């Protein structure tokens, strides 16, 4: 393994771990920053579902390469903002939480199976998932919409970047490692979905 590849991978891993370890202050009543930019910034970091999906989008974009490297994350962020605006205005999608869990499973499978779709279908897939994530942010917003929205947009972009760096450091040659990572992401989505089902039955 080349030294710079190992360094990139360690940097990306450290970034993800640091974000996961951050305090979950996103929801109303949690912490002292419930009405600030920081409230929105921490919101995607308050749940494993958001973190895994957004990092996975970056990894998949890196594997696709070319224009997809920036177009796929941009489609997710753009759709997420649109979903947020809808959520703030009371437009609630049916099955938002299952949709978010599905985004983790599907993104993991796309990585694990090394799916290479044409540009438009790729953008449509991540865009659909971005809408669900954005709608959830809108439903759970605290504070000013502009500040909250700017906060979660910044943290989402950072998660995408962490995924891109991680995916680029792995590269297409390390197929088994890439597939294993996709399996882990998909399994996390199934765990999240199962936890939802159990919670709903409790």
Foldseek 3Di string as FASTA:
>chain_A
DDPVLVVLQVVLVVLLVVLLPDDQQQFPPRDDQQAFLQNLQNPLSNDPLSLLLLLLQLLLLLLLDDPSNPLSLVLLLVLLQVLLVCLLVPNADPPLVLLSLVSQQVSLVCQLVVDHDDDVVSSVSSSVNSNSNSNVCNNRHGHDSVSSSVNNSVNSVVSSVSSNSNNNSCYVVVNVVRNVSSVVSNVVSVVSVVVVVVVVVD
